[in-house]
Amino acid sequence: MAEGRSTRAAGSPRLGYTDSGFQTMFCTRCGAVNQDAARFCKGCGSPIDPAGASGAAVAAAPAYAPTSPVFTQSAPQFRYAGFWRRFVAMIIDGIVFSPLFLIFFAGSGLFGVISGAAAGRDMEGAGAALLGLGIFAGVLVMVAGNWLYHTMMECSRHQATLGKMALGIKVTDLNGNRISFARANGRFFGKLISGAIMNIGYLMVAFTEKKQALHDILAGCLVVLK
């Protein structure tokens, strides 16, 4: 019987395999070849402990430690809306909102009061008070209307004002999700800061990596293409 490769553990019989694939054991004392079922060496009669040999071989093998798979989530990819696209959307919103102001202005009676002042009528007393009150009310309604228009539209299912919808852009959070009413409020009032610093907050759209204005950064928002 031909002999094959063999392995040896200290103090144990040597293990080997024949060309036919059967395991054989070599006696460490006389070197005789024995079958794997043998308990005593056929050459010298010494006892053979196959369990010790196989145990040593198994102990020498490295233990397999299963590892759990690691899943990584890639960052969402967006196409950011540039400065000029956002600028045109703002102009469209202004055009849409202007007729509402004119309707309110004409219906409030302020047009007649101001026309009377221009014609040289007496604006003392009640007339002057009415004019001041009307101007204050008009400004208040315009500010409130502008605020509700932007916040309600941007946190709606459209995620955009009419101007943004016309240009194919929308407002999202940093993960691309629909923003809440509170976040829309933060973005709207952040525009006061963007405009207060000589409109530099608006110009930041042209230079920031994600094309964010200052109010976008403050509110944690993005303006992206649909």
C-alpha atoms as a PDB file:
ATOM      1  CA  MET A   1       0.000   0.000   0.000  1.00  0.00           C
ATOM      2  CA  ALA A   2       1.488   3.319  -1.087  1.00  0.00           C
ATOM      3  CA  GLU A   3       2.058   5.996   1.515  1.00  0.00           C
ATOM      4  CA  GLY A   4       0.810   9.591   1.126  1.00  0.00           C
ATOM      5  CA  ARG A   5       1.196  12.891   3.032  1.00  0.00           C
ATOM      6  CA  SER A   6       1.251  12.665   6.815  1.00  0.00           C
ATOM      7  CA  THR A   7       0.730  14.940   9.802  1.00  0.00           C
ATOM      8  CA  ARG A   8       2.111  14.449  13.300  1.00  0.00           C
ATOM      9  CA  ALA A   9       1.121  15.863  16.687  1.00  0.00           C
ATOM     10  CA  ALA A  10       3.476  15.624  19.684  1.00  0.00           C
ATOM     11  CA  GLY A  11       3.025  12.357  21.613  1.00  0.00           C
ATOM     12  CA  SER A  12       0.505  10.926  19.079  1.00  0.00           C
ATOM     13  CA  PRO A  13       0.643   8.532  16.124  1.00  0.00           C
ATOM     14  CA  ARG A  14       1.377  10.034  12.776  1.00  0.00           C
ATOM     15  CA  LEU A  15      -1.582  10.247  10.411  1.00  0.00           C
ATOM     16  CA  GLY A  16      -1.405   9.708   6.684  1.00  0.00           C
ATOM     17  CA  TYR A  17      -3.525   8.927   3.654  1.00  0.00           C
ATOM     18  CA  THR A  18      -3.082   6.319   0.991  1.00  0.00           C
ATOM     19  CA  ASP A  19      -3.509   7.038  -2.714  1.00  0.00           C
ATOM     20  CA  SER A  20      -6.990   5.520  -2.486  1.00  0.00           C
ATOM     21  CA  GLY A  21      -7.996   8.024   0.187  1.00  0.00           C
ATOM     22  CA  PHE A  22      -8.018   5.728   3.272  1.00  0.00           C
ATOM     23  CA  GLN A  23      -6.472   7.023   6.463  1.00  0.00           C
ATOM     24  CA  THR A  24      -3.442   5.156   7.876  1.00  0.00           C
ATOM     25  CA  MET A  25      -1.436   5.545  11.057  1.00  0.00           C
ATOM     26  CA  PHE A  26       2.315   5.145  11.471  1.00  0.00           C
ATOM     27  CA  CYS A  27       3.662   3.770  14.714  1.00  0.00           C
ATOM     28  CA  THR A  28       6.011   6.261  16.360  1.00  0.00           C
ATOM     29  CA  ARG A  29       8.133   3.437  17.793  1.00  0.00           C
ATOM     30  CA  CYS A  30       8.711   1.050  14.909  1.00  0.00           C
ATOM     31  CA  GLY A  31       7.321   3.001  11.947  1.00  0.00           C
ATOM     32  CA  ALA A  32       4.924   0.250  10.902  1.00  0.00           C
ATOM     33  CA  VAL A  33       1.866   1.183   8.859  1.00  0.00           C
ATOM     34  CA  ASN A  34      -1.465   0.449  10.533  1.00  0.00           C
ATOM     35  CA  GLN A  35      -5.094   0.871   9.464  1.00  0.00           C
ATOM     36  CA  ASP A  36      -7.161   3.549  11.115  1.00  0.00           C
ATOM     37  CA  ALA A  37      -9.274   0.937  12.948  1.00  0.00           C
ATOM     38  CA  ALA A  38      -6.221  -0.698  14.580  1.00  0.00           C
ATOM     39  CA  ARG A  39      -5.779  -0.375  18.335  1.00  0.00           C
ATOM     40  CA  PHE A  40      -2.316  -2.000  18.573  1.00  0.00           C
ATOM     41  CA  CYS A  41       0.635  -1.698  16.217  1.00  0.00           C
ATOM     42  CA  LYS A  42       0.995  -4.803  14.094  1.00  0.00           C
ATOM     43  CA  GLY A  43       4.779  -4.402  14.124  1.00  0.00           C
ATOM     44  CA  CYS A  44       5.640  -3.926  17.788  1.00  0.00           C
ATOM     45  CA  GLY A  45       2.319  -4.385  19.550  1.00  0.00           C
ATOM     46  CA  SER A  46       2.330  -0.945  21.112  1.00  0.00           C
ATOM     47  CA  PRO A  47      -1.129   0.555  21.811  1.00  0.00           C
ATOM     48  CA  ILE A  48      -2.358   3.132  19.331  1.00  0.00           C
ATOM     49  CA  ASP A  49      -4.581   6.033  20.351  1.00  0.00           C
ATOM     50  CA  PRO A  50      -6.253   7.372  17.205  1.00  0.00           C
ATOM     51  CA  ALA A  51      -8.517   9.656  19.250  1.00  0.00           C
ATOM     52  CA  GLY A  52      -5.517  11.561  20.590  1.00  0.00           C
ATOM     53  CA  ALA A  53      -4.099  11.988  17.116  1.00  0.00           C
ATOM     54  CA  SER A  54      -7.321  13.242  15.594  1.00  0.00           C
ATOM     55  CA  GLY A  55      -7.971  15.445  18.648  1.00  0.00           C
ATOM     56  CA  ALA A  56      -4.579  17.105  18.328  1.00  0.00           C
ATOM     57  CA  ALA A  57      -5.177  17.739  14.663  1.00  0.00           C
ATOM     58  CA  VAL A  58      -8.554  19.275  15.371  1.00  0.00           C
ATOM     59  CA  ALA A  59      -7.117  21.390  18.198  1.00  0.00           C
ATOM     60  CA  ALA A  60      -4.443  22.733  15.892  1.00  0.00           C
ATOM     61  CA  ALA A  61      -7.025  23.902  13.353  1.00  0.00           C
ATOM     62  CA  PRO A  62      -8.025  27.568  13.723  1.00  0.00           C
ATOM     63  CA  ALA A  63     -11.495  28.119  15.093  1.00  0.00           C
ATOM     64  CA  TYR A  64     -14.064  29.550  12.701  1.00  0.00           C
ATOM     65  CA  ALA A  65     -15.621  32.701  14.026  1.00  0.00           C
ATOM     66  CA  PRO A  66     -18.689  33.729  11.993  1.00  0.00           C
ATOM     67  CA  THR A  67     -18.990  37.430  11.400  1.00  0.00           C
ATOM     68  CA  SER A  68     -22.205  39.290  10.838  1.00  0.00           C
ATOM     69  CA  PRO A  69     -22.492  41.234   7.571  1.00  0.00           C
ATOM     70  CA  VAL A  70     -21.994  44.981   7.760  1.00  0.00           C
ATOM     71  CA  PHE A  71     -24.424  47.110   5.779  1.00  0.00           C
ATOM     72  CA  THR A  72     -23.572  50.679   4.919  1.00  0.00           C
ATOM     73  CA  GLN A  73     -26.122  53.209   3.710  1.00  0.00           C
ATOM     74  CA  SER A  74     -24.928  55.499   0.987  1.00  0.00           C
ATOM     75  CA  ALA A  75     -25.700  59.198   1.250  1.00  0.00           C
ATOM     76  CA  PRO A  76     -28.651  60.335  -0.869  1.00  0.00           C
ATOM     77  CA  GLN A  77     -27.767  61.991  -4.143  1.00  0.00           C
ATOM     78  CA  PHE A  78     -29.429  65.278  -5.076  1.00  0.00           C
ATOM     79  CA  ARG A  79     -29.397  67.705  -7.964  1.00  0.00           C
ATOM     80  CA  TYR A  80     -29.232  71.081  -6.292  1.00  0.00           C
ATOM     81  CA  ALA A  81     -31.072  74.085  -7.703  1.00  0.00           C
ATOM     82  CA  GLY A  82     -28.691  76.847  -8.752  1.00  0.00           C
ATOM     83  CA  PHE A  83     -28.811  80.568  -8.034  1.00  0.00           C
ATOM     84  CA  TRP A  84     -30.486  81.750 -11.240  1.00  0.00           C
ATOM     85  CA  ARG A  85     -33.195  79.111 -11.161  1.00  0.00           C
ATOM     86  CA  ARG A  86     -34.066  80.102  -7.604  1.00  0.00           C
ATOM     87  CA  PHE A  87     -33.916  83.803  -8.503  1.00  0.00           C
ATOM     88  CA  VAL A  88     -36.435  83.366 -11.331  1.00  0.00           C
ATOM     89  CA  ALA A  89     -38.698  81.360  -9.014  1.00  0.00           C
ATOM     90  CA  MET A  90     -38.626  84.239  -6.509  1.00  0.00           C
ATOM     91  CA  ILE A  91     -39.602  86.718  -9.239  1.00  0.00           C
ATOM     92  CA  ILE A  92     -42.537  84.505 -10.255  1.00  0.00           C
ATOM     93  CA  ASP A  93     -43.690  84.329  -6.639  1.00  0.00           C
ATOM     94  CA  GLY A  94     -43.568  88.124  -6.490  1.00  0.00           C
ATOM     95  CA  ILE A  95     -45.657  88.421  -9.648  1.00  0.00           C
ATOM     96  CA  VAL A  96     -48.202  85.938  -8.301  1.00  0.00           C
ATOM     97  CA  PHE A  97     -48.458  87.665  -4.933  1.00  0.00           C
ATOM     98  CA  SER A  98     -48.675  91.275  -6.208  1.00  0.00           C
ATOM     99  CA  PRO A  99     -52.288  91.061  -7.499  1.00  0.00           C
ATOM    100  CA  LEU A 100     -53.404  89.859  -4.070  1.00  0.00           C
ATOM    101  CA  PHE A 101     -51.923  92.976  -2.529  1.00  0.00           C
ATOM    102  CA  LEU A 102     -53.605  95.214  -5.103  1.00  0.00           C
ATOM    103  CA  ILE A 103     -56.984  93.568  -4.466  1.00  0.00           C
ATOM    104  CA  PHE A 104     -56.605  94.130  -0.741  1.00  0.00           C
ATOM    105  CA  PHE A 105     -55.379  97.694  -1.260  1.00  0.00           C
ATOM    106  CA  ALA A 106     -58.346  98.609  -3.442  1.00  0.00           C
ATOM    107  CA  GLY A 107     -60.909  96.902  -1.230  1.00  0.00           C
ATOM    108  CA  SER A 108     -59.655  98.423   2.011  1.00  0.00           C
ATOM    109  CA  GLY A 109     -60.448 102.037   1.016  1.00  0.00           C
ATOM    110  CA  LEU A 110     -56.804 103.098   1.269  1.00  0.00           C
ATOM    111  CA  PHE A 111     -56.785 103.963  -2.422  1.00  0.00           C
ATOM    112  CA  GLY A 112     -59.543 106.539  -1.911  1.00  0.00           C
ATOM    113  CA  VAL A 113     -57.882 108.025   1.173  1.00  0.00           C
ATOM    114  CA  ILE A 114     -54.547 108.447  -0.569  1.00  0.00           C
ATOM    115  CA  SER A 115     -56.238 109.853  -3.686  1.00  0.00           C
ATOM    116  CA  GLY A 116     -57.996 112.438  -1.502  1.00  0.00           C
ATOM    117  CA  ALA A 117     -54.696 113.442   0.051  1.00  0.00           C
ATOM    118  CA  ALA A 118     -53.183 113.863  -3.374  1.00  0.00           C
ATOM    119  CA  ALA A 119     -56.071 116.110  -4.390  1.00  0.00           C
ATOM    120  CA  GLY A 120     -55.322 118.505  -1.498  1.00  0.00           C
ATOM    121  CA  ARG A 121     -58.117 117.475   0.848  1.00  0.00           C
ATOM    122  CA  ASP A 122     -57.793 118.027   4.563  1.00  0.00           C
ATOM    123  CA  MET A 123     -55.985 115.073   6.134  1.00  0.00           C
ATOM    124  CA  GLU A 124     -56.064 116.270   9.693  1.00  0.00           C
ATOM    125  CA  GLY A 125     -57.723 114.452  12.558  1.00  0.00           C
ATOM    126  CA  ALA A 126     -59.671 111.314  11.742  1.00  0.00           C
ATOM    127  CA  GLY A 127     -58.535 111.215   8.130  1.00  0.00           C
ATOM    128  CA  ALA A 128     -54.860 111.121   9.001  1.00  0.00           C
ATOM    129  CA  ALA A 129     -55.468 108.512  11.691  1.00  0.00           C
ATOM    130  CA  LEU A 130     -57.410 106.380   9.239  1.00  0.00           C
ATOM    131  CA  LEU A 131     -54.621 106.614   6.709  1.00  0.00           C
ATOM    132  CA  GLY A 132     -51.977 105.546   9.223  1.00  0.00           C
ATOM    133  CA  LEU A 133     -54.111 102.700  10.500  1.00  0.00           C
ATOM    134  CA  GLY A 134     -54.855 101.530   6.993  1.00  0.00           C
ATOM    135  CA  ILE A 135     -51.189 101.532   5.992  1.00  0.00           C
ATOM    136  CA  PHE A 136     -50.275  99.583   9.111  1.00  0.00           C
ATOM    137  CA  ALA A 137     -53.038  97.046   8.457  1.00  0.00           C
ATOM    138  CA  GLY A 138     -51.962  96.705   4.851  1.00  0.00           C
ATOM    139  CA  VAL A 139     -48.356  96.014   5.789  1.00  0.00           C
ATOM    140  CA  LEU A 140     -49.452  93.542   8.457  1.00  0.00           C
ATOM    141  CA  VAL A 141     -51.687  91.648   6.055  1.00  0.00           C
ATOM    142  CA  MET A 142     -48.955  91.545   3.420  1.00  0.00           C
ATOM    143  CA  VAL A 143     -46.373  90.187   5.848  1.00  0.00           C
ATOM    144  CA  ALA A 144     -48.783  87.602   7.241  1.00  0.00           C
ATOM    145  CA  GLY A 145     -49.902  86.589   3.768  1.00  0.00           C
ATOM    146  CA  ASN A 146     -46.335  86.262   2.529  1.00  0.00           C
ATOM    147  CA  TRP A 147     -45.428  84.205   5.578  1.00  0.00           C
ATOM    148  CA  LEU A 148     -48.379  81.826   5.228  1.00  0.00           C
ATOM    149  CA  TYR A 149     -47.922  81.529   1.476  1.00  0.00           C
ATOM    150  CA  HIS A 150     -44.305  80.379   1.706  1.00  0.00           C
ATOM    151  CA  THR A 151     -44.522  78.225   4.823  1.00  0.00           C
ATOM    152  CA  MET A 152     -47.756  76.437   3.942  1.00  0.00           C
ATOM    153  CA  MET A 153     -46.717  75.765   0.348  1.00  0.00           C
ATOM    154  CA  GLU A 154     -43.221  74.549   1.202  1.00  0.00           C
ATOM    155  CA  CYS A 155     -44.400  72.138   3.916  1.00  0.00           C
ATOM    156  CA  SER A 156     -47.294  70.874   1.775  1.00  0.00           C
ATOM    157  CA  ARG A 157     -47.172  67.795  -0.422  1.00  0.00           C
ATOM    158  CA  HIS A 158     -45.937  70.043  -3.261  1.00  0.00           C
ATOM    159  CA  GLN A 159     -42.919  71.160  -1.167  1.00  0.00           C
ATOM    160  CA  ALA A 160     -42.708  74.323  -3.249  1.00  0.00           C
ATOM    161  CA  THR A 161     -44.285  77.705  -3.892  1.00  0.00           C
ATOM    162  CA  LEU A 162     -45.888  78.382  -7.263  1.00  0.00           C
ATOM    163  CA  GLY A 163     -42.665  79.918  -8.538  1.00  0.00           C
ATOM    164  CA  LYS A 164     -40.616  76.909  -7.482  1.00  0.00           C
ATOM    165  CA  MET A 165     -43.178  74.549  -8.983  1.00  0.00           C
ATOM    166  CA  ALA A 166     -42.912  76.408 -12.287  1.00  0.00           C
ATOM    167  CA  LEU A 167     -39.120  75.959 -12.275  1.00  0.00           C
ATOM    168  CA  GLY A 168     -39.250  72.310 -11.224  1.00  0.00           C
ATOM    169  CA  ILE A 169     -37.620  72.688  -7.806  1.00  0.00           C
ATOM    170  CA  LYS A 170     -38.696  71.878  -4.255  1.00  0.00           C
ATOM    171  CA  VAL A 171     -37.617  72.362  -0.640  1.00  0.00           C
ATOM    172  CA  THR A 172     -36.509  69.325   1.409  1.00  0.00           C
ATOM    173  CA  ASP A 173     -34.629  68.575   4.595  1.00  0.00           C
ATOM    174  CA  LEU A 174     -31.046  67.324   4.468  1.00  0.00           C
ATOM    175  CA  ASN A 175     -32.260  63.768   3.775  1.00  0.00           C
ATOM    176  CA  GLY A 176     -34.584  64.728   0.944  1.00  0.00           C
ATOM    177  CA  ASN A 177     -37.762  64.447   3.000  1.00  0.00           C
ATOM    178  CA  ARG A 178     -40.712  66.820   3.204  1.00  0.00           C
ATOM    179  CA  ILE A 179     -40.108  69.574   5.759  1.00  0.00           C
ATOM    180  CA  SER A 180     -42.331  70.287   8.738  1.00  0.00           C
ATOM    181  CA  PHE A 181     -44.267  73.507   9.344  1.00  0.00           C
ATOM    182  CA  ALA A 182     -41.788  74.447  12.089  1.00  0.00           C
ATOM    183  CA  ARG A 183     -38.811  74.009   9.743  1.00  0.00           C
ATOM    184  CA  ALA A 184     -40.606  76.000   7.046  1.00  0.00           C
ATOM    185  CA  ASN A 185     -41.066  78.804   9.586  1.00  0.00           C
ATOM    186  CA  GLY A 186     -37.379  78.713  10.460  1.00  0.00           C
ATOM    187  CA  ARG A 187     -36.469  78.962   6.796  1.00  0.00           C
ATOM    188  CA  PHE A 188     -38.868  81.878   6.195  1.00  0.00           C
ATOM    189  CA  PHE A 189     -37.705  83.987   9.131  1.00  0.00           C
ATOM    190  CA  GLY A 190     -34.089  83.109   8.332  1.00  0.00           C
ATOM    191  CA  LYS A 191     -34.585  85.098   5.129  1.00  0.00           C
ATOM    192  CA  LEU A 192     -34.717  88.235   7.271  1.00  0.00           C
ATOM    193  CA  ILE A 193     -31.105  87.542   8.271  1.00  0.00           C
ATOM    194  CA  SER A 194     -30.112  86.733   4.686  1.00  0.00           C
ATOM    195  CA  GLY A 195     -31.497  90.088   3.525  1.00  0.00           C
ATOM    196  CA  ALA A 196     -30.241  92.091   6.507  1.00  0.00           C
ATOM    197  CA  ILE A 197     -26.588  91.487   5.593  1.00  0.00           C
ATOM    198  CA  MET A 198     -26.853  93.196   2.200  1.00  0.00           C
ATOM    199  CA  ASN A 199     -28.455  90.089   0.665  1.00  0.00           C
ATOM    200  CA  ILE A 200     -25.209  88.169   1.073  1.00  0.00           C
ATOM    201  CA  GLY A 201     -27.229  85.344   2.581  1.00  0.00           C
ATOM    202  CA  TYR A 202     -29.013  84.931  -0.754  1.00  0.00           C
ATOM    203  CA  LEU A 203     -25.801  85.176  -2.777  1.00  0.00           C
ATOM    204  CA  MET A 204     -24.344  82.261  -0.814  1.00  0.00           C
ATOM    205  CA  VAL A 205     -26.328  79.954  -3.119  1.00  0.00           C
ATOM    206  CA  ALA A 206     -23.751  80.598  -5.843  1.00  0.00           C
ATOM    207  CA  PHE A 207     -20.783  79.608  -3.675  1.00  0.00           C
ATOM    208  CA  THR A 208     -21.805  76.906  -1.187  1.00  0.00           C
ATOM    209  CA  GLU A 209     -21.252  73.225  -1.971  1.00  0.00           C
ATOM    210  CA  LYS A 210     -24.923  72.268  -1.748  1.00  0.00           C
ATOM    211  CA  LYS A 211     -26.112  75.603  -3.191  1.00  0.00           C
ATOM    212  CA  GLN A 212     -27.664  76.637   0.118  1.00  0.00           C
ATOM    213  CA  ALA A 213     -28.564  80.177   1.082  1.00  0.00           C
ATOM    214  CA  LEU A 214     -27.920  81.287   4.641  1.00  0.00           C
ATOM    215  CA  HIS A 215     -31.542  80.639   5.624  1.00  0.00           C
ATOM    216  CA  ASP A 216     -31.289  77.134   4.154  1.00  0.00           C
ATOM    217  CA  ILE A 217     -28.263  76.398   6.324  1.00  0.00           C
ATOM    218  CA  LEU A 218     -29.919  77.820   9.444  1.00  0.00           C
ATOM    219  CA  ALA A 219     -33.065  75.731   8.919  1.00  0.00           C
ATOM    220  CA  GLY A 220     -31.307  72.581   7.681  1.00  0.00           C
ATOM    221  CA  CYS A 221     -32.950  72.646   4.240  1.00  0.00           C
ATOM    222  CA  LEU A 222     -32.038  71.958   0.639  1.00  0.00           C
ATOM    223  CA  VAL A 223     -33.550  73.259  -2.582  1.00  0.00           C
ATOM    224  CA  VAL A 224     -33.292  70.503  -5.187  1.00  0.00           C
ATOM    225  CA  LEU A 225     -34.551  69.668  -8.635  1.00  0.00           C
ATOM    226  CA  LYS A 226     -37.587  67.416  -8.831  1.00  0.00           C
END
